[in-house]
């Protein structure tokens, strides 16, 4: 049964919800991982794209029950980089060899559209590709970022189960999240989204629907990561047992459904397994996002506990990940990694 489903997936990149559930239930996922790795190699090659992550503010107006920087977490040590600090970290990212930076924050009202657009314009002058991960905005704001030079936008759905979404994200609207993703697509961004795997109340059918949703949109990037309970959130008593392998399965199936998109090996994977990112790269992933944020801000941007590399310098992170990538016979791509570039021969 598994072999038949995987043959279909590799040949057609189409699966039903039940076929996805069957793959997620597999107790011997090695053949799934091998199929995803073959598909990755065929469609996007052996290059790994590096994207420098700048976590510039951990203030957030939202109260998502799984997130360590939720507004109700009074134990979070809040910080906010200045626009000048953000641009300077982007300049240093170029020196470390990055061609793309990811500007990520909580939904912090301090950074108005005008402030963000000025930051974007300054970073574009440096010659970097810019990914934004700053949450839900109005269409006009997304349009202004695009006009200023932003290239990509990452907005994770986390779960496409509407009831579960609105239970875990109090005060937020599932329909508005969908509207944001559609607005971003229509504005011409490369759009990324993603799922948290192992949320309390989540089912395998729900996870399968997440993957089918990403395929329908379709996304240009899909980040799949394990839910890791944070001690200062309402979900502190939950467990992360089993989430690592299930996340790998989700990532592998995502590669089979959307063979040429960008899929990051997330740092959360390495929080649960010492070789987490390398294993992810061997199960379909082709992107790594090392942190280029400087100082003790890394420790303070704590979405989940046990985050790796919080005491490292950006230079050490860059050297470390290059060595790891080479250890599995892969190499760092010198391309900027736009969706479809490999197929276009760029």
Protein backbone atom coordinates (compact mmCIF):
# COMPACT_ATOMS: atom_id res chain seq x y z
CA UNK A 1 0.00 0.00 0.00
CA UNK A 2 2.74 2.48 0.99
CA UNK A 3 4.82 1.70 -2.11
CA UNK A 4 1.79 2.19 -4.36
CA UNK A 5 0.97 5.57 -2.79
CA UNK A 6 4.58 6.74 -3.09
CA UNK A 7 4.80 5.69 -6.73
CA UNK A 8 1.68 7.72 -7.43
CA UNK A 9 3.06 10.69 -5.49
CA UNK A 10 6.39 10.69 -7.32
CA UNK A 11 4.72 10.38 -10.71
CA UNK A 12 1.72 12.69 -10.31
CA UNK A 13 2.33 14.79 -7.14
CA UNK A 14 -1.32 14.26 -6.29
CA UNK A 15 -2.62 12.47 -3.20
CA UNK A 16 -5.96 12.20 -1.46
CA UNK A 17 -6.46 13.08 2.17
CA UNK A 18 -6.68 9.39 3.07
CA UNK A 19 -3.49 8.56 1.20
CA UNK A 20 -1.67 11.30 3.12
CA UNK A 21 -3.07 9.98 6.41
CA UNK A 22 -1.82 6.50 5.49
CA UNK A 23 1.68 7.88 4.96
CA UNK A 24 1.52 9.79 8.24
CA UNK A 25 0.49 6.59 10.04
CA UNK A 26 3.39 4.58 8.63
CA UNK A 27 5.57 2.95 11.27
CA UNK A 28 8.42 2.51 8.77
CA UNK A 29 8.79 5.92 7.10
CA UNK A 30 12.21 5.25 5.57
CA UNK A 31 10.75 4.68 2.10
CA UNK A 32 8.75 7.91 2.37
CA UNK A 33 11.88 9.86 3.30
CA UNK A 34 13.81 8.29 0.43
CA UNK A 35 11.07 9.21 -2.06
CA UNK A 36 11.07 12.81 -0.81
CA UNK A 37 14.85 13.02 -1.07
CA UNK A 38 14.78 11.70 -4.65
CA UNK A 39 12.13 14.26 -5.53
CA UNK A 40 14.10 17.06 -3.89
CA UNK A 41 17.22 16.13 -5.81
CA UNK A 42 15.33 15.90 -9.11
CA UNK A 43 13.46 19.20 -8.83
CA UNK A 44 15.68 21.54 -6.80
CA UNK A 45 19.09 19.86 -6.81
CA UNK A 46 21.67 19.42 -4.09
CA UNK A 47 22.17 23.10 -3.28
CA UNK A 48 20.98 24.40 0.08
CA UNK A 49 19.80 28.00 0.27
CA UNK A 50 20.90 30.02 3.30
CA UNK A 51 18.74 32.85 4.60
CA UNK A 52 19.93 35.08 7.40
CA UNK A 53 17.29 35.52 10.09
CA UNK A 54 16.99 38.86 11.89
CA UNK A 55 14.58 38.69 14.85
CA UNK A 56 14.03 42.39 15.40
CA UNK A 57 11.22 42.60 17.98
CA UNK A 58 9.52 40.22 20.39
CA UNK A 59 6.65 42.54 21.19
CA UNK A 60 3.36 41.05 19.98
CA UNK A 61 -0.26 42.14 20.20
CA UNK A 62 -1.52 38.56 19.81
CA UNK A 63 -2.05 35.93 22.47
CA UNK A 64 -1.49 32.62 20.66
CA UNK A 65 -1.60 29.90 23.30
CA UNK A 66 1.47 28.02 21.99
CA UNK A 67 3.81 30.99 21.60
CA UNK A 68 6.42 32.14 24.09
CA UNK A 69 6.19 35.82 23.04
CA UNK A 70 2.38 35.98 23.41
CA UNK A 71 1.28 39.30 24.88
CA UNK A 72 0.10 37.72 28.16
CA UNK A 73 3.53 36.26 28.93
CA UNK A 74 4.72 38.74 31.53
CA UNK A 75 7.96 36.79 32.00
CA UNK A 76 9.13 37.48 28.45
CA UNK A 77 11.99 40.00 28.32
CA UNK A 78 10.78 42.37 25.62
CA UNK A 79 13.10 44.11 23.19
CA UNK A 80 12.88 46.05 19.96
CA UNK A 81 15.78 46.78 17.60
CA UNK A 82 16.02 50.21 16.05
CA UNK A 83 15.72 50.56 12.27
CA UNK A 84 19.42 51.42 12.16
CA UNK A 85 20.31 48.23 14.05
CA UNK A 86 18.21 46.14 11.67
CA UNK A 87 19.88 47.61 8.60
CA UNK A 88 23.35 47.18 10.13
CA UNK A 89 22.68 43.49 10.85
CA UNK A 90 21.58 43.11 7.22
CA UNK A 91 24.87 44.70 6.09
CA UNK A 92 26.80 42.20 8.20
CA UNK A 93 24.72 39.36 6.74
CA UNK A 94 26.23 40.18 3.34
CA UNK A 95 29.72 39.84 4.84
CA UNK A 96 28.77 36.39 6.15
CA UNK A 97 27.79 35.37 2.63
CA UNK A 98 23.99 35.63 2.75
CA UNK A 99 21.99 36.77 -0.26
CA UNK A 100 18.64 36.82 1.55
CA UNK A 101 17.55 38.13 4.93
CA UNK A 102 14.37 37.24 6.77
CA UNK A 103 13.01 40.09 8.90
CA UNK A 104 10.91 38.48 11.62
CA UNK A 105 9.06 39.89 14.61
CA UNK A 106 5.95 39.65 16.68
CA UNK A 107 3.06 41.81 15.54
CA UNK A 108 4.57 45.00 16.92
CA UNK A 109 2.65 48.20 16.23
CA UNK A 110 5.79 50.31 16.64
CA UNK A 111 6.89 49.30 13.15
CA UNK A 112 4.39 51.20 11.03
CA UNK A 113 4.20 50.75 7.28
CA UNK A 114 6.32 53.88 6.79
CA UNK A 115 9.00 52.65 9.19
CA UNK A 116 9.10 49.19 7.60
CA UNK A 117 9.23 50.60 4.07
CA UNK A 118 12.21 52.76 4.99
CA UNK A 119 14.01 49.72 6.42
CA UNK A 120 13.19 47.69 3.31
CA UNK A 121 14.46 50.39 0.95
CA UNK A 122 17.75 50.68 2.84
CA UNK A 123 18.32 46.92 2.82
CA UNK A 124 17.47 46.66 -0.89
CA UNK A 125 20.26 49.15 -1.59
CA UNK A 126 22.66 46.62 -0.06
CA UNK A 127 21.55 44.11 -2.71
CA UNK A 128 19.73 41.59 -0.55
CA UNK A 129 16.55 39.64 -1.21
CA UNK A 130 14.06 40.41 1.57
CA UNK A 131 11.59 38.05 3.23
CA UNK A 132 9.17 39.55 5.74
CA UNK A 133 7.59 37.60 8.58
CA UNK A 134 5.67 40.23 10.52
CA UNK A 135 2.11 38.97 10.62
CA UNK A 136 -1.31 40.07 9.49
CA UNK A 137 -1.57 43.46 7.76
CA UNK A 138 -4.00 45.30 5.54
CA UNK A 139 -3.74 44.92 1.78
CA UNK A 140 -2.42 48.47 1.47
CA UNK A 141 0.43 47.73 3.87
CA UNK A 142 1.42 44.56 2.02
CA UNK A 143 1.35 46.57 -1.21
CA UNK A 144 3.58 49.28 0.25
CA UNK A 145 6.15 46.71 1.41
CA UNK A 146 6.18 45.17 -2.06
CA UNK A 147 6.64 48.56 -3.70
CA UNK A 148 9.51 49.33 -1.32
CA UNK A 149 11.27 46.15 -2.45
CA UNK A 150 10.13 43.19 -0.30
CA UNK A 151 10.31 39.94 -2.28
CA UNK A 152 8.83 37.25 -0.07
CA UNK A 153 6.39 37.02 2.80
CA UNK A 154 6.09 34.24 5.36
CA UNK A 155 2.73 33.89 7.12
CA UNK A 156 2.22 30.55 8.80
CA UNK A 157 -1.33 29.24 9.06
CA UNK A 158 -0.21 26.76 11.80
CA UNK A 159 -3.43 24.75 11.34
CA UNK A 160 -6.20 24.79 8.74
CA UNK A 161 -8.65 23.36 11.28
CA UNK A 162 -10.74 26.53 11.80
CA UNK A 163 -12.08 25.55 15.21
CA UNK A 164 -8.64 24.60 16.48
CA UNK A 165 -7.09 27.74 14.98
CA UNK A 166 -9.53 30.05 16.73
CA UNK A 167 -9.24 28.11 20.00
CA UNK A 168 -5.46 28.40 20.06
CA UNK A 169 -5.32 31.93 18.61
CA UNK A 170 -7.90 33.81 20.74
CA UNK A 171 -9.15 37.04 19.24
CA UNK A 172 -7.88 36.14 15.78
CA UNK A 173 -9.93 35.28 12.70
CA UNK A 174 -9.22 32.26 10.53
CA UNK A 175 -10.89 34.01 7.59
CA UNK A 176 -8.63 37.02 8.00
CA UNK A 177 -5.57 34.77 7.95
CA UNK A 178 -6.78 33.30 4.66
CA UNK A 179 -7.45 36.80 3.32
CA UNK A 180 -3.89 37.84 4.12
CA UNK A 181 -2.42 34.87 2.29
CA UNK A 182 -4.59 35.53 -0.74
CA UNK A 183 -3.68 39.23 -0.74
CA UNK A 184 0.00 38.33 -0.69
CA UNK A 185 -0.42 35.95 -3.63
CA UNK A 186 -2.30 38.56 -5.65
CA UNK A 187 0.37 41.19 -4.97
CA UNK A 188 3.03 38.95 -6.48
CA UNK A 189 5.00 37.97 -3.40
CA UNK A 190 6.69 34.63 -3.11
CA UNK A 191 4.45 33.34 -0.33
CA UNK A 192 5.44 31.03 2.47
CA UNK A 193 3.22 29.43 5.06
CA UNK A 194 3.47 26.45 7.37
CA UNK A 195 2.11 24.18 10.06
CA UNK A 196 2.81 23.35 13.66
CA UNK A 197 2.79 19.59 14.08
CA UNK A 198 1.51 18.06 17.30
CA UNK A 199 -0.83 20.76 18.56
CA UNK A 200 -3.26 19.49 21.20
CA UNK A 201 -6.51 18.50 19.50
CA UNK A 202 -4.89 18.17 16.07
CA UNK A 203 -5.68 15.06 14.02
CA UNK A 204 -3.86 13.33 11.18
CA UNK A 205 -6.78 14.28 8.94
CA UNK A 206 -6.25 17.91 9.92
CA UNK A 207 -2.54 17.68 9.11
CA UNK A 208 -3.37 16.14 5.74
CA UNK A 209 -5.69 19.07 5.04
CA UNK A 210 -2.86 21.48 5.88
CA UNK A 211 -0.74 19.93 3.13
CA UNK A 212 -3.59 19.98 0.61
CA UNK A 213 -4.25 23.63 1.48
CA UNK A 214 -0.61 24.54 0.78
CA UNK A 215 -0.87 22.73 -2.55
CA UNK A 216 -4.08 24.54 -3.51
CA UNK A 217 -2.86 28.04 -2.65
CA UNK A 218 -0.12 27.17 -3.82
CA UNK A 219 2.73 28.23 -1.56
CA UNK A 220 6.27 28.95 -2.73
CA UNK A 221 7.68 27.89 0.63
CA UNK A 222 6.32 25.61 3.35
CA UNK A 223 7.76 25.51 6.85
CA UNK A 224 6.85 22.42 8.84
CA UNK A 225 7.88 22.41 12.49
CA UNK A 226 7.11 20.51 15.68
CA UNK A 227 5.03 22.00 18.47
CA UNK A 228 7.26 22.39 21.52
CA UNK A 229 5.38 23.43 24.69
CA UNK A 230 6.61 26.64 26.30
CA UNK A 231 6.54 26.74 30.13
CA UNK A 232 5.07 30.26 30.20
CA UNK A 233 2.04 29.49 28.03
CA UNK A 234 -1.31 27.80 28.73
CA UNK A 235 -0.06 24.68 26.90
CA UNK A 236 2.91 24.19 29.26
CA UNK A 237 1.77 20.73 30.37
CA UNK A 238 1.57 19.25 26.86
CA UNK A 239 4.26 16.95 25.48
CA UNK A 240 6.41 17.03 22.35
CA UNK A 241 6.82 13.25 22.21
CA UNK A 242 6.56 11.92 18.67
CA UNK A 243 6.39 15.34 17.06
CA UNK A 244 9.83 15.11 15.49
CA UNK A 245 9.19 12.08 13.30
CA UNK A 246 5.68 13.28 12.43
CA UNK A 247 7.16 16.62 11.35
CA UNK A 248 9.66 14.80 9.12
CA UNK A 249 6.79 12.85 7.54
CA UNK A 250 4.84 16.06 6.91
CA UNK A 251 7.91 17.69 5.35
CA UNK A 252 8.53 14.67 3.12
CA UNK A 253 4.92 14.56 1.89
CA UNK A 254 5.03 18.30 1.25
CA UNK A 255 8.02 17.75 -1.04
CA UNK A 256 6.11 15.06 -2.94
CA UNK A 257 3.03 17.28 -3.37
CA UNK A 258 4.90 20.46 -4.34
CA UNK A 259 8.21 19.14 -5.69
CA UNK A 260 9.90 22.42 -6.63
CA UNK A 261 9.07 24.68 -3.68
CA UNK A 262 11.47 25.77 -0.94
CA UNK A 263 11.22 23.85 2.33
CA UNK A 264 13.28 24.95 5.33
CA UNK A 265 14.93 22.63 7.82
CA UNK A 266 13.77 24.49 10.93
CA UNK A 267 15.76 25.13 14.07
CA UNK A 268 12.92 23.63 16.10
CA UNK A 269 13.72 20.26 14.53
CA UNK A 270 17.22 20.43 16.01
CA UNK A 271 15.80 21.38 19.40
CA UNK A 272 14.16 17.93 19.50
CA UNK A 273 16.99 15.98 17.83
CA UNK A 274 20.74 16.81 17.76
CA UNK A 275 20.85 16.09 14.01
CA UNK A 276 17.40 17.54 13.32
CA UNK A 277 18.25 19.93 10.51
CA UNK A 278 20.48 17.45 8.72
CA UNK A 279 17.79 14.79 8.87
CA UNK A 280 15.28 17.32 7.54
CA UNK A 281 17.61 18.10 4.63
CA UNK A 282 17.62 14.37 3.85
CA UNK A 283 13.82 14.19 3.95
CA UNK A 284 13.01 16.90 1.41
CA UNK A 285 14.22 20.20 2.85
CA UNK A 286 16.49 22.55 0.87
CA UNK A 287 16.67 25.75 2.95
CA UNK A 288 18.32 26.65 6.27
CA UNK A 289 17.82 29.95 8.07
CA UNK A 290 20.75 30.62 10.43
CA UNK A 291 20.27 33.42 12.92
CA UNK A 292 22.21 36.62 12.21
CA UNK A 293 20.71 38.52 15.14
CA UNK A 294 23.45 39.73 17.45
CA UNK A 295 23.79 39.86 21.22
CA UNK A 296 21.41 38.51 23.84
CA UNK A 297 18.35 39.22 21.70
CA UNK A 298 18.53 35.62 20.47
CA UNK A 299 17.66 34.29 23.92
CA UNK A 300 14.78 36.74 24.26
CA UNK A 301 13.08 35.76 20.99
CA UNK A 302 11.86 32.56 22.60
CA UNK A 303 8.89 31.20 20.68
CA UNK A 304 9.59 27.79 22.23
CA UNK A 305 12.05 26.59 24.90
CA UNK A 306 15.44 25.03 24.20
CA UNK A 307 16.08 27.02 21.03
CA UNK A 308 19.48 26.13 19.58
CA UNK A 309 22.48 28.41 19.00
CA UNK A 310 21.25 31.22 21.26
CA UNK A 311 24.76 31.70 22.64
CA UNK A 312 26.54 31.61 19.28
CA UNK A 313 27.71 34.49 17.13
CA UNK A 314 26.34 34.89 13.58
CA UNK A 315 29.80 34.05 12.20
CA UNK A 316 29.95 30.82 14.19
CA UNK A 317 26.44 29.83 13.04
CA UNK A 318 27.42 30.42 9.42
CA UNK A 319 30.57 28.30 9.64
CA UNK A 320 28.83 25.57 11.62
CA UNK A 321 25.93 25.10 9.22
CA UNK A 322 28.23 25.05 6.19
CA UNK A 323 30.20 22.22 7.72
CA UNK A 324 27.06 20.28 8.52
CA UNK A 325 25.68 20.70 5.01
CA UNK A 326 28.93 19.49 3.46
CA UNK A 327 28.98 16.48 5.80
CA UNK A 328 25.93 15.02 4.01
CA UNK A 329 27.29 15.63 0.51
CA UNK A 330 25.33 18.82 -0.14
CA UNK A 331 26.58 22.32 -0.83
CA UNK A 332 25.51 25.89 -0.22
CA UNK A 333 23.80 27.30 -3.28
CA UNK A 334 25.08 30.61 -4.60
CA UNK A 335 21.68 31.34 -6.16
CA UNK A 336 19.17 33.56 -4.41
CA UNK A 337 16.76 30.67 -4.33
CA UNK A 338 13.58 32.02 -5.89
CA UNK A 339 10.92 29.39 -6.44
CA UNK A 340 11.40 27.97 -9.93
CA UNK A 341 14.93 29.28 -10.48
CA UNK A 342 16.36 25.76 -10.61
CA UNK A 343 13.88 24.67 -13.27
CA UNK A 344 14.56 27.82 -15.27
CA UNK A 345 18.26 27.11 -15.22
CA UNK A 346 19.17 30.21 -13.28
